[in-house]
Amino acid sequence: MIYLDNAATTWPKPQPVLHAMNEALRIYGANPGRGGHAMGLAASQAVYQCRETAARMFHLEDPSGVIFTLNCTMSLNMAIKGLLCGGGRAVVSSLEHNAVMRPLHSLPGAGPSFDVARVVEGDDDATVENFRRCLRPSTRAIVCTHASNVFGVRLPIRRIGELAEERGLPFVVDAAQTAGVLPLDMQADHINFLCLAGHKGLYGPMGTGMLLCRGPYELPPLVEGGTGSRSMELQQPRDLPDRLESGTPNTPGLCALRAGMELVMKTGLDSIARREMGHVEKLYDGIRSCSGIELYTARPELDHYVPVLSLNIHGVPSERTAALLNRQGIAVRAGLHCAPSAHHQYGTLPNGTVRLAPSLHTTGREIDQVCHVLCQLAKKLG
């Protein structure tokens, strides 16, 4: 199978990730932070090492600000609902995933709780200016994706972060599509809350996510319960990470996630990004001259895009195209990708798109084969 659904979950997982998870299941069998015996202490140390690795990778000074969650969606819910639970509005981009839009929509109060800044593909100045124009006295946060999970368009988050800091606003970044591909520096990018998916570009298992917290803004807990600390008190501890983490963590998953992050850092973000973008550029060049194939962005390059490409065969539902590709042994994702806002901007509602996303494991030969199959399908169905 040629697997090009890596924007949803990377596969296959690298051998060091598989080894780390298996080793954790054999060695770290006790609850971290819940026992004074040797195995419990070893599990606690393993979990803390994952915090340290994440803090180092994303330039967070204090590892206690690394909060483990189930996924990026949970991280975004914690940040958005925590920051806006007392009212106010957020500024978001026009390319947001439902992991941002649905929590905002669910906030109590009359009318929308957000203003939308249009992303101008390839023009960072215009995008930043659109964010600036959306700010109003009732704005309480800026929340945006680092890159569209549908069209691969990058946002200038460092400049948006500067704008947020200038206005004294917390800055929340959805890095589900960029962590492990593009550099992220919480300090230089002025990020207060960085929301991450462990199972994508960090090559960890499903069920692992992180919320990295920096700066003066304090989130209330979304879940309360046992933390292994201050157990005589009914109030949730105030210190991080305990304030935002309750219950037994996914120790084997976190050990595997740490191995994935170490592998990414060892390989090098620049190397990964250039390799994957090379595949996307080759794919784009190979199909743009094929009659009947619709592409929606300019030729993707790293300055303004991540390695994700959306397309359609003219007049063919995206789900049908994906099903036909599946028969040829090519795995892709079709539909709305949980991001109707992005499809609205690009005019691809209600059909959605066929999305292709390579990984470290993708080969040039596989991309050649996908180009051939797509062109043949477009010719047959046109």
Protein backbone atom coordinates (compact mmCIF):
# COMPACT_ATOMS: atom_id res chain seq x y z
CA MET A 1 0.00 0.00 0.00
CA ILE A 2 1.11 3.54 -0.77
CA TYR A 3 0.10 5.45 2.36
CA LEU A 4 -0.52 9.17 1.77
CA ASP A 5 -2.84 9.87 4.72
CA ASN A 6 -0.05 11.11 6.97
CA ALA A 7 -1.81 14.42 7.65
CA ALA A 8 -4.28 12.36 9.70
CA THR A 9 -1.84 9.91 11.29
CA THR A 10 1.68 8.99 10.26
CA TRP A 11 2.27 5.35 9.32
CA PRO A 12 4.23 3.18 9.59
CA LYS A 13 5.68 4.13 12.93
CA PRO A 14 9.50 4.11 13.08
CA GLN A 15 11.20 1.19 14.77
CA PRO A 16 12.48 3.23 17.76
CA VAL A 17 8.86 4.25 18.52
CA LEU A 18 7.66 0.64 18.42
CA HIS A 19 10.58 -0.44 20.59
CA ALA A 20 9.97 2.29 23.17
CA MET A 21 6.28 1.42 23.51
CA ASN A 22 6.99 -2.30 23.86
CA GLU A 23 9.71 -1.65 26.41
CA ALA A 24 7.43 0.61 28.44
CA LEU A 25 4.73 -2.05 28.58
CA ARG A 26 7.28 -4.52 29.89
CA ILE A 27 9.23 -2.28 32.28
CA TYR A 28 7.04 0.66 33.38
CA GLY A 29 3.97 -1.24 34.52
CA ALA A 30 3.11 0.90 37.55
CA ASN A 31 1.29 4.23 37.84
CA PRO A 32 3.69 7.18 37.60
CA GLY A 33 3.49 9.53 40.56
CA ARG A 34 1.31 7.12 42.52
CA GLY A 35 3.74 4.79 44.26
CA GLY A 36 7.00 4.93 46.18
CA HIS A 37 8.25 1.58 44.89
CA ALA A 38 10.94 1.19 42.25
CA MET A 39 8.65 0.55 39.30
CA GLY A 40 6.42 3.53 40.10
CA LEU A 41 9.44 5.80 40.42
CA ALA A 42 10.85 4.51 37.12
CA ALA A 43 7.53 5.22 35.40
CA SER A 44 7.52 8.75 36.85
CA GLN A 45 11.01 9.33 35.52
CA ALA A 46 10.03 8.08 32.06
CA VAL A 47 7.07 10.45 31.90
CA TYR A 48 9.20 13.36 33.07
CA GLN A 49 11.78 12.59 30.39
CA CYS A 50 9.05 12.99 27.78
CA ARG A 51 8.22 16.41 29.27
CA GLU A 52 11.88 17.40 29.08
CA THR A 53 12.15 16.28 25.47
CA ALA A 54 9.07 18.27 24.45
CA ALA A 55 10.28 21.35 26.32
CA ARG A 56 13.64 21.12 24.58
CA MET A 57 12.14 20.58 21.13
CA PHE A 58 9.71 23.50 21.35
CA HIS A 59 11.87 25.87 23.42
CA LEU A 60 9.79 25.92 26.59
CA GLU A 61 11.92 26.85 29.58
CA ASP A 62 9.97 24.93 32.24
CA PRO A 63 9.10 21.27 31.50
CA SER A 64 6.28 21.44 34.07
CA GLY A 65 4.41 23.48 31.46
CA VAL A 66 4.16 20.40 29.25
CA ILE A 67 0.66 18.97 29.75
CA PHE A 68 -0.16 15.54 28.35
CA THR A 69 -3.55 15.15 26.68
CA LEU A 70 -5.31 12.62 24.48
CA ASN A 71 -4.82 14.62 21.28
CA CYS A 72 -4.50 18.11 19.83
CA THR A 73 -8.27 18.57 19.97
CA MET A 74 -8.30 18.12 23.73
CA SER A 75 -5.42 20.57 24.06
CA LEU A 76 -7.29 23.19 22.05
CA ASN A 77 -10.44 22.69 24.10
CA MET A 78 -8.48 23.20 27.32
CA ALA A 79 -6.90 26.41 26.05
CA ILE A 80 -9.95 27.93 24.34
CA LYS A 81 -12.50 27.14 27.04
CA GLY A 82 -10.06 28.08 29.77
CA LEU A 83 -9.23 31.48 28.28
CA LEU A 84 -12.78 32.41 27.28
CA CYS A 85 -14.81 30.88 30.10
CA GLY A 86 -15.35 34.38 31.50
CA GLY A 87 -16.54 35.84 28.21
CA GLY A 88 -14.93 37.83 25.44
CA ARG A 89 -14.03 37.01 21.86
CA ALA A 90 -11.24 35.26 20.00
CA VAL A 91 -9.71 36.10 16.64
CA VAL A 92 -9.25 33.03 14.44
CA SER A 93 -8.15 32.44 10.86
CA SER A 94 -10.36 31.53 7.92
CA LEU A 95 -8.69 28.10 7.64
CA GLU A 96 -9.43 26.65 11.06
CA HIS A 97 -10.18 23.04 11.90
CA ASN A 98 -13.33 22.16 13.86
CA ALA A 99 -11.07 21.50 16.85
CA VAL A 100 -10.96 25.30 17.10
CA MET A 101 -14.34 26.26 15.72
CA ARG A 102 -16.56 23.89 17.68
CA PRO A 103 -15.20 24.81 21.13
CA LEU A 104 -15.67 28.46 20.23
CA HIS A 105 -19.20 27.81 18.99
CA SER A 106 -20.07 25.99 22.22
CA LEU A 107 -19.13 28.88 24.50
CA PRO A 108 -22.11 30.33 26.39
CA GLY A 109 -23.53 33.67 25.33
CA ALA A 110 -25.56 35.18 22.53
CA GLY A 111 -24.04 35.24 19.07
CA PRO A 112 -20.59 34.20 17.85
CA SER A 113 -17.62 34.42 20.18
CA PHE A 114 -15.04 34.93 17.46
CA ASP A 115 -13.96 37.13 14.57
CA VAL A 116 -12.43 35.60 11.43
CA ALA A 117 -9.26 36.93 9.82
CA ARG A 118 -8.98 35.90 6.18
CA VAL A 119 -5.71 34.18 5.26
CA VAL A 120 -4.29 35.50 1.99
CA GLU A 121 -2.33 32.71 0.35
CA GLY A 122 1.26 33.77 -0.29
CA ASP A 123 0.86 37.26 1.23
CA ASP A 124 1.87 37.33 4.90
CA ASP A 125 1.53 41.12 5.13
CA ALA A 126 -2.13 40.98 4.12
CA THR A 127 -2.82 38.06 6.47
CA VAL A 128 -1.31 39.84 9.48
CA GLU A 129 -3.19 43.02 8.62
CA ASN A 130 -6.45 41.04 8.51
CA PHE A 131 -5.74 39.74 12.01
CA ARG A 132 -5.02 43.27 13.17
CA ARG A 133 -8.31 44.56 11.76
CA CYS A 134 -10.26 41.91 13.69
CA LEU A 135 -8.99 43.03 17.09
CA ARG A 136 -11.52 44.85 19.23
CA PRO A 137 -11.83 45.81 22.92
CA SER A 138 -13.65 42.54 23.68
CA THR A 139 -10.91 40.37 22.15
CA ARG A 140 -9.45 38.03 24.76
CA ALA A 141 -7.21 35.75 22.66
CA ILE A 142 -5.83 34.99 19.22
CA VAL A 143 -6.21 31.36 18.20
CA CYS A 144 -4.98 30.04 14.87
CA THR A 145 -3.61 27.08 13.02
CA HIS A 146 0.01 27.05 11.97
CA ALA A 147 -0.95 25.53 8.60
CA SER A 148 -4.16 24.39 6.95
CA ASN A 149 -4.75 20.65 7.25
CA VAL A 150 -6.55 20.77 3.87
CA PHE A 151 -4.56 23.04 1.57
CA GLY A 152 -1.20 23.18 3.35
CA VAL A 153 -1.17 26.99 3.48
CA ARG A 154 1.11 28.31 6.24
CA LEU A 155 0.27 31.22 8.51
CA PRO A 156 2.96 33.69 9.66
CA ILE A 157 2.61 32.72 13.30
CA ARG A 158 5.67 34.62 14.51
CA ARG A 159 4.23 37.89 13.23
CA ILE A 160 0.77 37.03 14.54
CA GLY A 161 2.37 36.19 17.88
CA GLU A 162 4.11 39.56 17.92
CA LEU A 163 0.74 41.20 17.32
CA ALA A 164 -0.81 39.24 20.20
CA GLU A 165 2.01 40.16 22.57
CA GLU A 166 1.83 43.81 21.50
CA ARG A 167 -1.88 43.86 22.44
CA GLY A 168 -1.41 41.88 25.66
CA LEU A 169 -3.38 38.89 24.37
CA PRO A 170 -2.66 35.19 24.86
CA PHE A 171 -1.68 33.40 21.65
CA VAL A 172 -2.88 29.84 21.03
CA VAL A 173 -1.41 27.86 18.13
CA ASP A 174 -2.79 24.67 16.61
CA ALA A 175 0.37 22.91 15.40
CA ALA A 176 -1.26 19.59 14.52
CA GLN A 177 0.05 19.77 10.94
CA THR A 178 3.43 21.36 11.59
CA ALA A 179 5.00 19.87 14.72
CA GLY A 180 7.78 17.61 13.50
CA VAL A 181 7.93 19.33 10.10
CA LEU A 182 8.48 23.05 10.77
CA PRO A 183 10.48 24.67 13.58
CA LEU A 184 8.39 25.94 16.50
CA ASP A 185 9.91 28.15 19.17
CA MET A 186 7.46 29.15 21.89
CA GLN A 187 9.59 32.09 22.94
CA ALA A 188 10.61 33.48 19.54
CA ASP A 189 7.11 32.85 18.13
CA HIS A 190 5.46 34.49 21.18
CA ILE A 191 3.27 31.41 21.76
CA ASN A 192 1.53 31.04 25.10
CA PHE A 193 -0.33 27.79 24.42
CA LEU A 194 1.01 25.34 21.85
CA CYS A 195 -1.37 22.49 20.97
CA LEU A 196 0.19 19.36 19.51
CA ALA A 197 -0.80 15.98 18.11
CA GLY A 198 1.60 13.21 19.02
CA HIS A 199 0.42 10.82 16.31
CA LYS A 200 1.23 12.95 13.25
CA GLY A 201 4.60 14.53 12.48
CA LEU A 202 6.04 13.51 15.86
CA TYR A 203 5.50 9.83 14.93
CA GLY A 204 3.99 8.88 18.28
CA PRO A 205 0.97 6.60 18.76
CA MET A 206 -2.65 7.66 18.67
CA GLY A 207 -3.99 8.89 22.00
CA THR A 208 -1.01 11.16 22.67
CA GLY A 209 -1.22 14.93 22.56
CA MET A 210 0.33 17.87 24.38
CA LEU A 211 -0.56 21.36 25.54
CA LEU A 212 2.54 23.44 26.20
CA CYS A 213 1.95 26.44 28.46
CA ARG A 214 4.14 29.54 28.71
CA GLY A 215 3.68 32.94 30.26
CA PRO A 216 1.41 34.62 32.74
CA TYR A 217 -1.95 33.17 31.62
CA GLU A 218 -3.46 30.51 33.87
CA LEU A 219 -5.97 27.96 32.62
CA PRO A 220 -8.58 26.40 34.90
CA PRO A 221 -8.66 22.59 34.86
CA LEU A 222 -10.97 20.96 32.32
CA VAL A 223 -10.88 17.70 34.32
CA GLU A 224 -10.32 17.30 38.05
CA GLY A 225 -9.31 14.24 40.01
CA GLY A 226 -6.36 12.32 41.34
CA THR A 227 -2.92 13.75 40.72
CA GLY A 228 -0.85 11.93 43.31
CA SER A 229 -0.24 15.28 45.04
CA ARG A 230 -2.06 17.27 47.78
CA SER A 231 -4.51 14.40 48.15
CA MET A 232 -6.04 15.74 51.39
CA GLU A 233 -7.32 18.82 49.54
CA LEU A 234 -10.57 18.73 47.58
CA GLN A 235 -9.41 21.59 45.39
CA GLN A 236 -7.33 20.72 42.34
CA PRO A 237 -3.64 21.62 42.84
CA ARG A 238 -2.69 24.96 41.29
CA ASP A 239 0.82 24.01 40.18
CA LEU A 240 1.49 22.66 36.70
CA PRO A 241 1.33 20.02 35.42
CA ASP A 242 -1.01 18.71 38.16
CA ARG A 243 -3.55 21.51 37.68
CA LEU A 244 -4.30 20.31 34.16
CA GLU A 245 -3.53 16.58 34.45
CA SER A 246 -5.68 14.13 36.40
CA GLY A 247 -5.75 10.36 36.42
CA THR A 248 -3.30 7.77 35.15
CA PRO A 249 -1.38 8.92 32.06
CA ASN A 250 -0.65 6.89 28.95
CA THR A 251 2.88 5.96 30.02
CA PRO A 252 3.64 3.55 27.13
CA GLY A 253 2.30 6.08 24.64
CA LEU A 254 4.39 8.88 26.13
CA CYS A 255 7.54 6.75 26.04
CA ALA A 256 6.83 6.09 22.37
CA LEU A 257 6.11 9.76 21.76
CA ARG A 258 9.43 10.71 23.31
CA ALA A 259 11.18 8.27 20.95
CA GLY A 260 9.37 9.88 18.02
CA MET A 261 10.42 13.37 19.05
CA GLU A 262 14.03 12.25 19.51
CA LEU A 263 14.00 10.69 16.06
CA VAL A 264 12.61 13.86 14.48
CA MET A 265 15.23 16.04 16.17
CA LYS A 266 18.01 13.63 15.17
CA THR A 267 16.84 13.54 11.55
CA GLY A 268 16.42 17.32 11.47
CA LEU A 269 13.31 19.37 10.76
CA ASP A 270 14.81 20.98 7.67
CA SER A 271 15.67 17.59 6.21
CA ILE A 272 12.18 16.25 6.90
CA ALA A 273 10.42 19.31 5.50
CA ARG A 274 12.49 19.41 2.33
CA ARG A 275 12.10 15.69 1.69
CA GLU A 276 8.32 15.76 2.15
CA MET A 277 7.84 19.01 0.24
CA GLY A 278 9.92 17.58 -2.57
CA HIS A 279 7.38 14.77 -2.87
CA VAL A 280 4.48 17.25 -2.91
CA GLU A 281 6.14 19.43 -5.54
CA LYS A 282 6.79 16.35 -7.67
CA LEU A 283 3.19 15.30 -7.27
CA TYR A 284 1.93 18.78 -8.16
CA ASP A 285 4.15 18.98 -11.24
CA GLY A 286 3.19 15.47 -12.31
CA ILE A 287 -0.56 16.03 -12.33
CA ARG A 288 -1.14 19.71 -13.09
CA SER A 289 -0.97 19.08 -16.83
CA CYS A 290 -3.38 16.14 -16.65
CA SER A 291 -6.75 17.09 -18.09
CA GLY A 292 -9.56 16.93 -15.55
CA ILE A 293 -7.52 17.28 -12.34
CA GLU A 294 -8.34 20.34 -10.25
CA LEU A 295 -5.68 21.91 -7.99
CA TYR A 296 -6.54 24.72 -5.60
CA THR A 297 -3.30 26.43 -4.59
CA ALA A 298 -0.22 27.79 -6.28
CA ARG A 299 2.71 25.38 -6.66
CA PRO A 300 3.58 24.63 -3.03
CA GLU A 301 6.95 25.72 -1.67
CA LEU A 302 8.18 25.69 1.91
CA ASP A 303 8.05 29.44 2.40
CA HIS A 304 4.25 29.42 2.36
CA TYR A 305 3.12 25.77 2.54
CA VAL A 306 3.52 22.48 4.37
CA PRO A 307 3.63 19.10 2.59
CA VAL A 308 -0.13 18.64 2.11
CA LEU A 309 -1.90 18.73 -1.27
CA SER A 310 -5.62 18.77 -2.05
CA LEU A 311 -7.15 17.99 -5.44
CA ASN A 312 -10.23 16.68 -7.21
CA ILE A 313 -11.06 14.99 -10.47
CA HIS A 314 -13.52 17.29 -12.22
CA GLY A 315 -17.11 16.23 -11.66
CA VAL A 316 -16.20 13.27 -9.43
CA PRO A 317 -17.09 13.20 -5.71
CA SER A 318 -13.94 13.22 -3.61
CA GLU A 319 -15.03 10.07 -1.76
CA ARG A 320 -15.38 8.19 -5.04
CA THR A 321 -11.91 9.25 -6.15
CA ALA A 322 -10.49 8.06 -2.83
CA ALA A 323 -12.30 4.73 -3.17
CA LEU A 324 -10.90 4.23 -6.68
CA LEU A 325 -7.40 5.07 -5.44
CA ASN A 326 -7.86 2.59 -2.61
CA ARG A 327 -8.55 -0.15 -5.19
CA GLN A 328 -5.16 0.71 -6.66
CA GLY A 329 -3.50 0.37 -3.25
CA ILE A 330 -3.23 4.10 -2.57
CA ALA A 331 -4.51 5.39 0.80
CA VAL A 332 -5.69 9.01 0.88
CA ARG A 333 -8.28 11.06 2.76
CA ALA A 334 -11.39 12.52 1.12
CA GLY A 335 -14.20 14.83 2.23
CA LEU A 336 -14.14 17.93 4.41
CA HIS A 337 -11.26 16.89 6.70
CA CYS A 338 -13.14 18.42 9.67
CA ALA A 339 -12.35 21.88 8.30
CA PRO A 340 -15.40 23.34 6.51
CA SER A 341 -14.03 26.87 7.04
CA ALA A 342 -11.08 26.14 4.76
CA HIS A 343 -13.32 24.55 2.13
CA HIS A 344 -15.60 27.58 2.26
CA GLN A 345 -12.69 29.89 1.45
CA TYR A 346 -11.49 27.73 -1.43
CA GLY A 347 -14.92 26.99 -2.88
CA THR A 348 -14.77 23.23 -2.39
CA LEU A 349 -18.03 22.79 -0.46
CA PRO A 350 -19.90 20.48 -0.24
CA ASN A 351 -17.74 17.95 -2.13
CA GLY A 352 -14.53 18.54 -0.23
CA THR A 353 -11.21 17.38 -1.64
CA VAL A 354 -8.91 14.42 -1.99
CA ARG A 355 -5.95 15.07 0.30
CA LEU A 356 -2.49 13.58 -0.14
CA ALA A 357 0.24 13.91 2.48
CA PRO A 358 3.62 12.13 2.37
CA SER A 359 5.91 11.29 5.28
CA LEU A 360 9.52 10.35 5.94
CA HIS A 361 8.76 6.88 4.61
CA THR A 362 7.34 7.99 1.23
CA THR A 363 9.53 7.30 -1.81
CA GLY A 364 9.88 9.07 -5.13
CA ARG A 365 8.86 5.88 -6.91
CA GLU A 366 5.59 5.86 -4.99
CA ILE A 367 4.89 9.46 -5.99
CA ASP A 368 5.52 8.58 -9.66
CA GLN A 369 3.01 5.75 -9.39
CA VAL A 370 0.39 7.99 -7.75
CA CYS A 371 0.81 10.59 -10.52
CA HIS A 372 0.31 7.90 -13.14
CA VAL A 373 -2.79 6.47 -11.46
CA LEU A 374 -4.37 9.89 -10.96
CA CYS A 375 -3.83 10.92 -14.57
CA GLN A 376 -5.25 7.62 -15.79
CA LEU A 377 -8.31 8.01 -13.54
CA ALA A 378 -8.89 11.58 -14.72
CA LYS A 379 -8.66 10.44 -18.35
CA LYS A 380 -11.07 7.56 -17.75
CA LEU A 381 -13.61 9.57 -15.79
CA GLY A 382 -13.41 12.78 -17.77
